[in-house]
């Protein structure tokens, strides 16, 4: 399912025009990205959590050049579904 499909489904079920729904979804995604960029987790009860995970520093190898590099510690975004969401999918 794409973003356009989601917009169409929400527009059909609520009767709100597609442009308003698209603006709302875009605003939601920008808010989530901004919060995660500031290391703030986003919790949506009954749906799940958008969280920031910290990846530890590690050593990686370039096999073709036979060299090693150090990848510094960094943050990555992650999604953890709620238990009710998991049960609905199962």
PDB file of N, CA and C in Angstrom:
ATOM      1  N   UNK A   1       0.852  -1.174   0.000  1.00  0.00           N
ATOM      2  CA  UNK A   1       0.000   0.000   0.000  1.00  0.00           C
ATOM      3  C   UNK A   1       0.896   1.235   0.000  1.00  0.00           C
ATOM      4  N   UNK A   2       0.608   2.164  -0.873  1.00  0.00           N
ATOM      5  CA  UNK A   2       1.388   3.387  -0.982  1.00  0.00           C
ATOM      6  C   UNK A   2       0.701   4.529  -0.234  1.00  0.00           C
ATOM      7  N   UNK A   3       1.393   5.654  -0.171  1.00  0.00           N
ATOM      8  CA  UNK A   3       0.818   6.831   0.479  1.00  0.00           C
ATOM      9  C   UNK A   3      -0.448   7.278  -0.248  1.00  0.00           C
ATOM     10  N   UNK A   4      -0.441   7.192  -1.573  1.00  0.00           N
ATOM     11  CA  UNK A   4      -1.627   7.571  -2.351  1.00  0.00           C
ATOM     12  C   UNK A   4      -2.811   6.657  -2.034  1.00  0.00           C
ATOM     13  N   UNK A   5      -2.540   5.367  -1.847  1.00  0.00           N
ATOM     14  CA  UNK A   5      -3.605   4.428  -1.471  1.00  0.00           C
ATOM     15  C   UNK A   5      -4.178   4.775  -0.101  1.00  0.00           C
ATOM     16  N   UNK A   6      -3.297   5.131   0.825  1.00  0.00           N
ATOM     17  CA  UNK A   6      -3.748   5.508   2.178  1.00  0.00           C
ATOM     18  C   UNK A   6      -4.619   6.754   2.103  1.00  0.00           C
ATOM     19  N   UNK A   7      -4.187   7.744   1.318  1.00  0.00           N
ATOM     20  CA  UNK A   7      -4.971   8.979   1.150  1.00  0.00           C
ATOM     21  C   UNK A   7      -6.341   8.649   0.582  1.00  0.00           C
ATOM     22  N   UNK A   8      -6.405   7.785  -0.424  1.00  0.00           N
ATOM     23  CA  UNK A   8      -7.688   7.411  -1.025  1.00  0.00           C
ATOM     24  C   UNK A   8      -8.600   6.713  -0.024  1.00  0.00           C
ATOM     25  N   UNK A   9      -8.051   5.786   0.758  1.00  0.00           N
ATOM     26  CA  UNK A   9      -8.853   5.061   1.747  1.00  0.00           C
ATOM     27  C   UNK A   9      -9.410   5.994   2.823  1.00  0.00           C
ATOM     28  N   UNK A  10      -8.566   6.884   3.338  1.00  0.00           N
ATOM     29  CA  UNK A  10      -9.015   7.820   4.377  1.00  0.00           C
ATOM     30  C   UNK A  10     -10.054   8.774   3.804  1.00  0.00           C
ATOM     31  N   UNK A  11      -9.828   9.235   2.583  1.00  0.00           N
ATOM     32  CA  UNK A  11     -10.769  10.156   1.948  1.00  0.00           C
ATOM     33  C   UNK A  11     -12.136   9.503   1.750  1.00  0.00           C
ATOM     34  N   UNK A  12     -12.142   8.235   1.318  1.00  0.00           N
ATOM     35  CA  UNK A  12     -13.405   7.511   1.134  1.00  0.00           C
ATOM     36  C   UNK A  12     -14.136   7.299   2.447  1.00  0.00           C
ATOM     37  N   UNK A  13     -13.400   6.886   3.475  1.00  0.00           N
ATOM     38  CA  UNK A  13     -14.056   6.529   4.737  1.00  0.00           C
ATOM     39  C   UNK A  13     -14.506   7.745   5.547  1.00  0.00           C
ATOM     40  N   UNK A  14     -13.851   8.890   5.388  1.00  0.00           N
ATOM     41  CA  UNK A  14     -14.214  10.058   6.185  1.00  0.00           C
ATOM     42  C   UNK A  14     -14.992  11.116   5.409  1.00  0.00           C
ATOM     43  N   UNK A  15     -14.882  11.101   4.081  1.00  0.00           N
ATOM     44  CA  UNK A  15     -15.544  12.116   3.278  1.00  0.00           C
ATOM     45  C   UNK A  15     -14.759  13.407   3.171  1.00  0.00           C
ATOM     46  N   UNK A  16     -13.540  13.419   3.669  1.00  0.00           N
ATOM     47  CA  UNK A  16     -12.671  14.600   3.578  1.00  0.00           C
ATOM     48  C   UNK A  16     -11.972  14.564   2.227  1.00  0.00           C
ATOM     49  N   UNK A  17     -11.766  15.748   1.616  1.00  0.00           N
ATOM     50  CA  UNK A  17     -11.141  15.761   0.296  1.00  0.00           C
ATOM     51  C   UNK A  17      -9.687  15.287   0.376  1.00  0.00           C
ATOM     52  N   UNK A  18      -9.213  14.759  -0.740  1.00  0.00           N
ATOM     53  CA  UNK A  18      -7.895  14.117  -0.788  1.00  0.00           C
ATOM     54  C   UNK A  18      -6.760  15.073  -0.460  1.00  0.00           C
ATOM     55  N   UNK A  19      -6.861  16.326  -0.885  1.00  0.00           N
ATOM     56  CA  UNK A  19      -5.785  17.285  -0.641  1.00  0.00           C
ATOM     57  C   UNK A  19      -5.614  17.550   0.854  1.00  0.00           C
ATOM     58  N   UNK A  20      -6.720  17.653   1.580  1.00  0.00           N
ATOM     59  CA  UNK A  20      -6.648  17.870   3.029  1.00  0.00           C
ATOM     60  C   UNK A  20      -6.044  16.657   3.721  1.00  0.00           C
ATOM     61  N   UNK A  21      -6.440  15.467   3.297  1.00  0.00           N
ATOM     62  CA  UNK A  21      -5.894  14.235   3.882  1.00  0.00           C
ATOM     63  C   UNK A  21      -4.403  14.144   3.594  1.00  0.00           C
ATOM     64  N   UNK A  22      -3.990  14.446   2.363  1.00  0.00           N
ATOM     65  CA  UNK A  22      -2.577  14.401   1.996  1.00  0.00           C
ATOM     66  C   UNK A  22      -1.766  15.385   2.823  1.00  0.00           C
ATOM     67  N   UNK A  23      -2.291  16.587   3.022  1.00  0.00           N
ATOM     68  CA  UNK A  23      -1.604  17.586   3.837  1.00  0.00           C
ATOM     69  C   UNK A  23      -1.456  17.102   5.276  1.00  0.00           C
ATOM     70  N   UNK A  24      -2.487  16.467   5.807  1.00  0.00           N
ATOM     71  CA  UNK A  24      -2.435  15.951   7.176  1.00  0.00           C
ATOM     72  C   UNK A  24      -1.403  14.837   7.313  1.00  0.00           C
ATOM     73  N   UNK A  25      -1.374  13.932   6.347  1.00  0.00           N
ATOM     74  CA  UNK A  25      -0.415  12.831   6.401  1.00  0.00           C
ATOM     75  C   UNK A  25       1.010  13.351   6.269  1.00  0.00           C
ATOM     76  N   UNK A  26       1.232  14.285   5.356  1.00  0.00           N
ATOM     77  CA  UNK A  26       2.566  14.882   5.194  1.00  0.00           C
ATOM     78  C   UNK A  26       2.999  15.582   6.473  1.00  0.00           C
ATOM     79  N   UNK A  27       2.083  16.305   7.104  1.00  0.00           N
ATOM     80  CA  UNK A  27       2.393  16.997   8.349  1.00  0.00           C
ATOM     81  C   UNK A  27       2.729  16.005   9.453  1.00  0.00           C
ATOM     82  N   UNK A  28       1.983  14.905   9.530  1.00  0.00           N
ATOM     83  CA  UNK A  28       2.258  13.864  10.522  1.00  0.00           C
ATOM     84  C   UNK A  28       3.657  13.280  10.318  1.00  0.00           C
ATOM     85  N   UNK A  29       4.000  12.971   9.079  1.00  0.00           N
ATOM     86  CA  UNK A  29       5.309  12.379   8.808  1.00  0.00           C
ATOM     87  C   UNK A  29       6.438  13.358   9.123  1.00  0.00           C
ATOM     88  N   UNK A  30       6.262  14.627   8.805  1.00  0.00           N
ATOM     89  CA  UNK A  30       7.283  15.631   9.116  1.00  0.00           C
ATOM     90  C   UNK A  30       7.449  15.785  10.629  1.00  0.00           C
ATOM     91  N   UNK A  31       6.343  15.736  11.371  1.00  0.00           N
ATOM     92  CA  UNK A  31       6.400  15.843  12.824  1.00  0.00           C
ATOM     93  C   UNK A  31       7.143  14.658  13.422  1.00  0.00           C
ATOM     94  N   UNK A  32       6.862  13.450  12.929  1.00  0.00           N
ATOM     95  CA  UNK A  32       7.550  12.259  13.433  1.00  0.00           C
ATOM     96  C   UNK A  32       9.044  12.338  13.115  1.00  0.00           C
ATOM     97  N   UNK A  33       9.386  12.711  11.870  1.00  0.00           N
ATOM     98  CA  UNK A  33      10.799  12.822  11.496  1.00  0.00           C
ATOM     99  C   UNK A  33      11.511  13.873  12.335  1.00  0.00           C
ATOM    100  N   UNK A  34      10.851  15.004  12.571  1.00  0.00           N
ATOM    101  CA  UNK A  34      11.457  16.059  13.386  1.00  0.00           C
ATOM    102  C   UNK A  34      11.682  15.620  14.817  1.00  0.00           C
ATOM    103  N   UNK A  35      10.723  14.896  15.382  1.00  0.00           N
ATOM    104  CA  UNK A  35      10.868  14.407  16.753  1.00  0.00           C
ATOM    105  C   UNK A  35      12.003  13.403  16.852  1.00  0.00           C
ATOM    106  N   UNK A  36      12.089  12.498  15.905  1.00  0.00           N
ATOM    107  CA  UNK A  36      13.159  11.503  15.932  1.00  0.00           C
ATOM    108  C   UNK A  36      14.522  12.157  15.717  1.00  0.00           C
ATOM    109  N   UNK A  37      14.571  13.203  14.906  1.00  0.00           N
ATOM    110  CA  UNK A  37      15.827  13.916  14.690  1.00  0.00           C
ATOM    111  C   UNK A  37      16.314  14.588  15.972  1.00  0.00           C
ATOM    112  N   UNK A  38      15.367  14.947  16.855  1.00  0.00           N
ATOM    113  CA  UNK A  38      15.717  15.561  18.145  1.00  0.00           C
ATOM    114  C   UNK A  38      15.850  14.507  19.256  1.00  0.00           C
ATOM    115  N   UNK A  39      15.946  13.227  18.871  1.00  0.00           N
ATOM    116  CA  UNK A  39      16.053  12.098  19.810  1.00  0.00           C
ATOM    117  C   UNK A  39      14.843  11.988  20.731  1.00  0.00           C
ATOM    118  N   UNK A  40      13.681  12.363  20.245  1.00  0.00           N
ATOM    119  CA  UNK A  40      12.444  12.219  21.006  1.00  0.00           C
ATOM    120  C   UNK A  40      11.621  11.102  20.379  1.00  0.00           C
ATOM    121  N   UNK A  41      11.227  10.123  21.181  1.00  0.00           N
ATOM    122  CA  UNK A  41      10.413   9.020  20.693  1.00  0.00           C
ATOM    123  C   UNK A  41       8.962   9.467  20.530  1.00  0.00           C
ATOM    124  N   UNK A  42       8.229   8.806  19.620  1.00  0.00           N
ATOM    125  CA  UNK A  42       6.825   9.108  19.367  1.00  0.00           C
ATOM    126  C   UNK A  42       6.020   7.863  19.713  1.00  0.00           C
ATOM    127  N   UNK A  43       5.075   7.992  20.654  1.00  0.00           N
ATOM    128  CA  UNK A  43       4.270   6.871  21.110  1.00  0.00           C
ATOM    129  C   UNK A  43       2.820   7.056  20.656  1.00  0.00           C
ATOM    130  N   UNK A  44       2.292   6.073  19.944  1.00  0.00           N
ATOM    131  CA  UNK A  44       0.906   6.088  19.495  1.00  0.00           C
ATOM    132  C   UNK A  44       0.216   4.885  20.115  1.00  0.00           C
ATOM    133  N   UNK A  45      -0.525   5.110  21.176  1.00  0.00           N
ATOM    134  CA  UNK A  45      -1.168   4.024  21.909  1.00  0.00           C
ATOM    135  C   UNK A  45      -2.066   3.200  21.003  1.00  0.00           C
ATOM    136  N   UNK A  46      -1.917   1.886  21.069  1.00  0.00           N
ATOM    137  CA  UNK A  46      -2.704   0.972  20.263  1.00  0.00           C
ATOM    138  C   UNK A  46      -2.144   0.743  18.874  1.00  0.00           C
ATOM    139  N   UNK A  47      -1.139   1.520  18.473  1.00  0.00           N
ATOM    140  CA  UNK A  47      -0.533   1.363  17.150  1.00  0.00           C
ATOM    141  C   UNK A  47       0.922   0.948  17.268  1.00  0.00           C
ATOM    142  N   UNK A  48       1.721   1.759  17.950  1.00  0.00           N
ATOM    143  CA  UNK A  48       3.129   1.431  18.115  1.00  0.00           C
ATOM    144  C   UNK A  48       3.944   2.654  18.467  1.00  0.00           C
ATOM    145  N   UNK A  49       5.259   2.476  18.469  1.00  0.00           N
ATOM    146  CA  UNK A  49       6.179   3.540  18.839  1.00  0.00           C
ATOM    147  C   UNK A  49       7.245   3.716  17.773  1.00  0.00           C
ATOM    148  N   UNK A  50       7.495   4.961  17.419  1.00  0.00           N
ATOM    149  CA  UNK A  50       8.627   5.305  16.578  1.00  0.00           C
ATOM    150  C   UNK A  50       9.733   5.701  17.538  1.00  0.00           C
ATOM    151  N   UNK A  51      10.815   4.926  17.550  1.00  0.00           N
ATOM    152  CA  UNK A  51      11.871   5.154  18.532  1.00  0.00           C
ATOM    153  C   UNK A  51      13.219   5.345  17.839  1.00  0.00           C
ATOM    154  N   UNK A  52      14.143   5.931  18.588  1.00  0.00           N
ATOM    155  CA  UNK A  52      15.499   6.124  18.114  1.00  0.00           C
ATOM    156  C   UNK A  52      16.375   5.084  18.811  1.00  0.00           C
ATOM    157  N   UNK A  53      17.055   4.281  18.007  1.00  0.00           N
ATOM    158  CA  UNK A  53      17.975   3.284  18.556  1.00  0.00           C
ATOM    159  C   UNK A  53      19.404   3.758  18.333  1.00  0.00           C
ATOM    160  N   UNK A  54      20.255   3.445  19.276  1.00  0.00           N
ATOM    161  CA  UNK A  54      21.651   3.834  19.180  1.00  0.00           C
ATOM    162  C   UNK A  54      22.464   2.634  18.734  1.00  0.00           C
ATOM    163  N   UNK A  55      23.174   2.767  17.635  1.00  0.00           N
ATOM    164  CA  UNK A  55      24.064   1.716  17.151  1.00  0.00           C
ATOM    165  C   UNK A  55      25.459   1.984  17.706  1.00  0.00           C
ATOM    166  N   UNK A  56      26.056   0.982  18.279  1.00  0.00           N
ATOM    167  CA  UNK A  56      27.378   1.119  18.875  1.00  0.00           C
ATOM    168  C   UNK A  56      28.451   1.243  17.792  1.00  0.00           C
ATOM    169  N   UNK A  57      29.591   1.781  18.192  1.00  0.00           N
ATOM    170  CA  UNK A  57      30.724   1.883  17.286  1.00  0.00           C
ATOM    171  C   UNK A  57      31.189   0.472  16.933  1.00  0.00           C
ATOM    172  N   UNK A  58      31.580   0.278  15.671  1.00  0.00           N
ATOM    173  CA  UNK A  58      32.052  -1.044  15.278  1.00  0.00           C
ATOM    174  C   UNK A  58      33.144  -0.922  14.231  1.00  0.00           C
ATOM    175  N   UNK A  59      33.879  -2.001  14.078  1.00  0.00           N
ATOM    176  CA  UNK A  59      34.937  -2.065  13.089  1.00  0.00           C
ATOM    177  C   UNK A  59      34.412  -2.820  11.874  1.00  0.00           C
ATOM    178  N   UNK A  60      34.610  -2.253  10.699  1.00  0.00           N
ATOM    179  CA  UNK A  60      34.173  -2.881   9.454  1.00  0.00           C
ATOM    180  C   UNK A  60      35.391  -3.113   8.570  1.00  0.00           C
ATOM    181  N   UNK A  61      35.233  -4.032   7.630  1.00  0.00           N
ATOM    182  CA  UNK A  61      36.351  -4.349   6.747  1.00  0.00           C
ATOM    183  C   UNK A  61      35.970  -4.127   5.291  1.00  0.00           C
ATOM    184  N   UNK A  62      36.912  -3.571   4.539  1.00  0.00           N
ATOM    185  CA  UNK A  62      36.794  -3.492   3.090  1.00  0.00           C
ATOM    186  C   UNK A  62      37.588  -4.670   2.546  1.00  0.00           C
ATOM    187  N   UNK A  63      36.889  -5.691   2.111  1.00  0.00           N
ATOM    188  CA  UNK A  63      37.543  -6.936   1.728  1.00  0.00           C
ATOM    189  C   UNK A  63      38.416  -6.750   0.485  1.00  0.00           C
ATOM    190  N   UNK A  64      37.952  -5.958  -0.476  1.00  0.00           N
ATOM    191  CA  UNK A  64      38.722  -5.806  -1.716  1.00  0.00           C
ATOM    192  C   UNK A  64      40.054  -5.102  -1.484  1.00  0.00           C
ATOM    193  N   UNK A  65      40.101  -4.148  -0.547  1.00  0.00           N
ATOM    194  CA  UNK A  65      41.355  -3.433  -0.257  1.00  0.00           C
ATOM    195  C   UNK A  65      42.064  -3.994   0.968  1.00  0.00           C
ATOM    196  N   UNK A  66      41.401  -4.918   1.664  1.00  0.00           N
ATOM    197  CA  UNK A  66      41.933  -5.530   2.877  1.00  0.00           C
ATOM    198  C   UNK A  66      42.284  -4.468   3.920  1.00  0.00           C
ATOM    199  N   UNK A  67      41.373  -3.527   4.131  1.00  0.00           N
ATOM    200  CA  UNK A  67      41.563  -2.485   5.137  1.00  0.00           C
ATOM    201  C   UNK A  67      40.397  -2.528   6.119  1.00  0.00           C
ATOM    202  N   UNK A  68      40.615  -1.949   7.273  1.00  0.00           N
ATOM    203  CA  UNK A  68      39.547  -1.847   8.261  1.00  0.00           C
ATOM    204  C   UNK A  68      39.245  -0.376   8.517  1.00  0.00           C
ATOM    205  N   UNK A  69      37.975  -0.106   8.776  1.00  0.00           N
ATOM    206  CA  UNK A  69      37.562   1.247   9.137  1.00  0.00           C
ATOM    207  C   UNK A  69      36.689   1.155  10.379  1.00  0.00           C
ATOM    208  N   UNK A  70      36.612   2.242  11.097  1.00  0.00           N
ATOM    209  CA  UNK A  70      35.773   2.296  12.285  1.00  0.00           C
ATOM    210  C   UNK A  70      34.528   3.092  11.944  1.00  0.00           C
ATOM    211  N   UNK A  71      33.377   2.459  12.129  1.00  0.00           N
ATOM    212  CA  UNK A  71      32.101   3.133  11.929  1.00  0.00           C
ATOM    213  C   UNK A  71      31.687   3.703  13.281  1.00  0.00           C
ATOM    214  N   UNK A  72      31.545   5.026  13.382  1.00  0.00           N
ATOM    215  CA  UNK A  72      31.240   5.621  14.687  1.00  0.00           C
ATOM    216  C   UNK A  72      29.828   5.286  15.172  1.00  0.00           C
ATOM    217  N   UNK A  73      29.602   5.503  16.451  1.00  0.00           N
ATOM    218  CA  UNK A  73      28.275   5.316  17.046  1.00  0.00           C
ATOM    219  C   UNK A  73      27.302   6.270  16.365  1.00  0.00           C
ATOM    220  N   UNK A  74      26.078   5.769  16.062  1.00  0.00           N
ATOM    221  CA  UNK A  74      25.092   6.616  15.400  1.00  0.00           C
ATOM    222  C   UNK A  74      23.687   6.156  15.759  1.00  0.00           C
ATOM    223  N   UNK A  75      22.713   7.021  15.485  1.00  0.00           N
ATOM    224  CA  UNK A  75      21.315   6.732  15.777  1.00  0.00           C
ATOM    225  C   UNK A  75      20.599   6.288  14.514  1.00  0.00           C
ATOM    226  N   UNK A  76      19.624   5.372  14.685  1.00  0.00           N
ATOM    227  CA  UNK A  76      18.787   4.945  13.571  1.00  0.00           C
ATOM    228  C   UNK A  76      17.329   4.957  14.021  1.00  0.00           C
ATOM    229  N   UNK A  77      16.395   5.288  13.130  1.00  0.00           N
ATOM    230  CA  UNK A  77      14.978   5.234  13.488  1.00  0.00           C
ATOM    231  C   UNK A  77      14.480   3.794  13.454  1.00  0.00           C
ATOM    232  N   UNK A  78      13.495   3.509  14.291  1.00  0.00           N
ATOM    233  CA  UNK A  78      12.930   2.169  14.357  1.00  0.00           C
ATOM    234  C   UNK A  78      11.455   2.275  14.719  1.00  0.00           C
ATOM    235  N   UNK A  79      10.689   1.235  14.371  1.00  0.00           N
ATOM    236  CA  UNK A  79       9.273   1.179  14.720  1.00  0.00           C
ATOM    237  C   UNK A  79       9.030  -0.080  15.520  1.00  0.00           C
ATOM    238  N   UNK A  80       8.359   0.065  16.653  1.00  0.00           N
ATOM    239  CA  UNK A  80       7.999  -1.079  17.481  1.00  0.00           C
ATOM    240  C   UNK A  80       6.478  -1.114  17.576  1.00  0.00           C
ATOM    241  N   UNK A  81       5.840  -2.134  16.979  1.00  0.00           N
ATOM    242  CA  UNK A  81       4.376  -2.193  17.008  1.00  0.00           C
ATOM    243  C   UNK A  81       3.840  -2.514  18.398  1.00  0.00           C
ATOM    244  N   UNK A  82       2.638  -2.032  18.687  1.00  0.00           N
ATOM    245  CA  UNK A  82       1.977  -2.313  19.957  1.00  0.00           C
ATOM    246  C   UNK A  82       1.503  -3.764  19.972  1.00  0.00           C
ATOM    247  N   UNK A  83       1.278  -4.298  21.164  1.00  0.00           N
ATOM    248  CA  UNK A  83       0.844  -5.690  21.288  1.00  0.00           C
ATOM    249  C   UNK A  83      -0.494  -5.923  20.594  1.00  0.00           C
ATOM    250  N   UNK A  84      -1.424  -4.978  20.717  1.00  0.00           N
ATOM    251  CA  UNK A  84      -2.724  -5.149  20.064  1.00  0.00           C
ATOM    252  C   UNK A  84      -2.578  -5.145  18.550  1.00  0.00           C
ATOM    253  N   UNK A  85      -1.666  -4.332  18.042  1.00  0.00           N
ATOM    254  CA  UNK A  85      -1.383  -4.285  16.614  1.00  0.00           C
ATOM    255  C   UNK A  85      -0.794  -5.617  16.157  1.00  0.00           C
ATOM    256  N   UNK A  86       0.129  -6.158  16.929  1.00  0.00           N
ATOM    257  CA  UNK A  86       0.752  -7.447  16.613  1.00  0.00           C
ATOM    258  C   UNK A  86      -0.311  -8.560  16.591  1.00  0.00           C
ATOM    259  N   UNK A  87      -1.205  -8.547  17.565  1.00  0.00           N
ATOM    260  CA  UNK A  87      -2.240  -9.570  17.625  1.00  0.00           C
ATOM    261  C   UNK A  87      -3.201  -9.483  16.448  1.00  0.00           C
ATOM    262  N   UNK A  88      -3.513  -8.270  15.993  1.00  0.00           N
ATOM    263  CA  UNK A  88      -4.394  -8.095  14.847  1.00  0.00           C
ATOM    264  C   UNK A  88      -3.748  -8.622  13.566  1.00  0.00           C
ATOM    265  N   UNK A  89      -2.441  -8.460  13.438  1.00  0.00           N
ATOM    266  CA  UNK A  89      -1.738  -8.914  12.240  1.00  0.00           C
ATOM    267  C   UNK A  89      -1.599 -10.430  12.229  1.00  0.00           C
ATOM    268  N   UNK A  90      -1.404 -11.006  13.406  1.00  0.00           N
ATOM    269  CA  UNK A  90      -1.261 -12.466  13.492  1.00  0.00           C
ATOM    270  C   UNK A  90      -2.551 -13.094  13.091  1.00  0.00           C
TER     271      UNK A  90
END
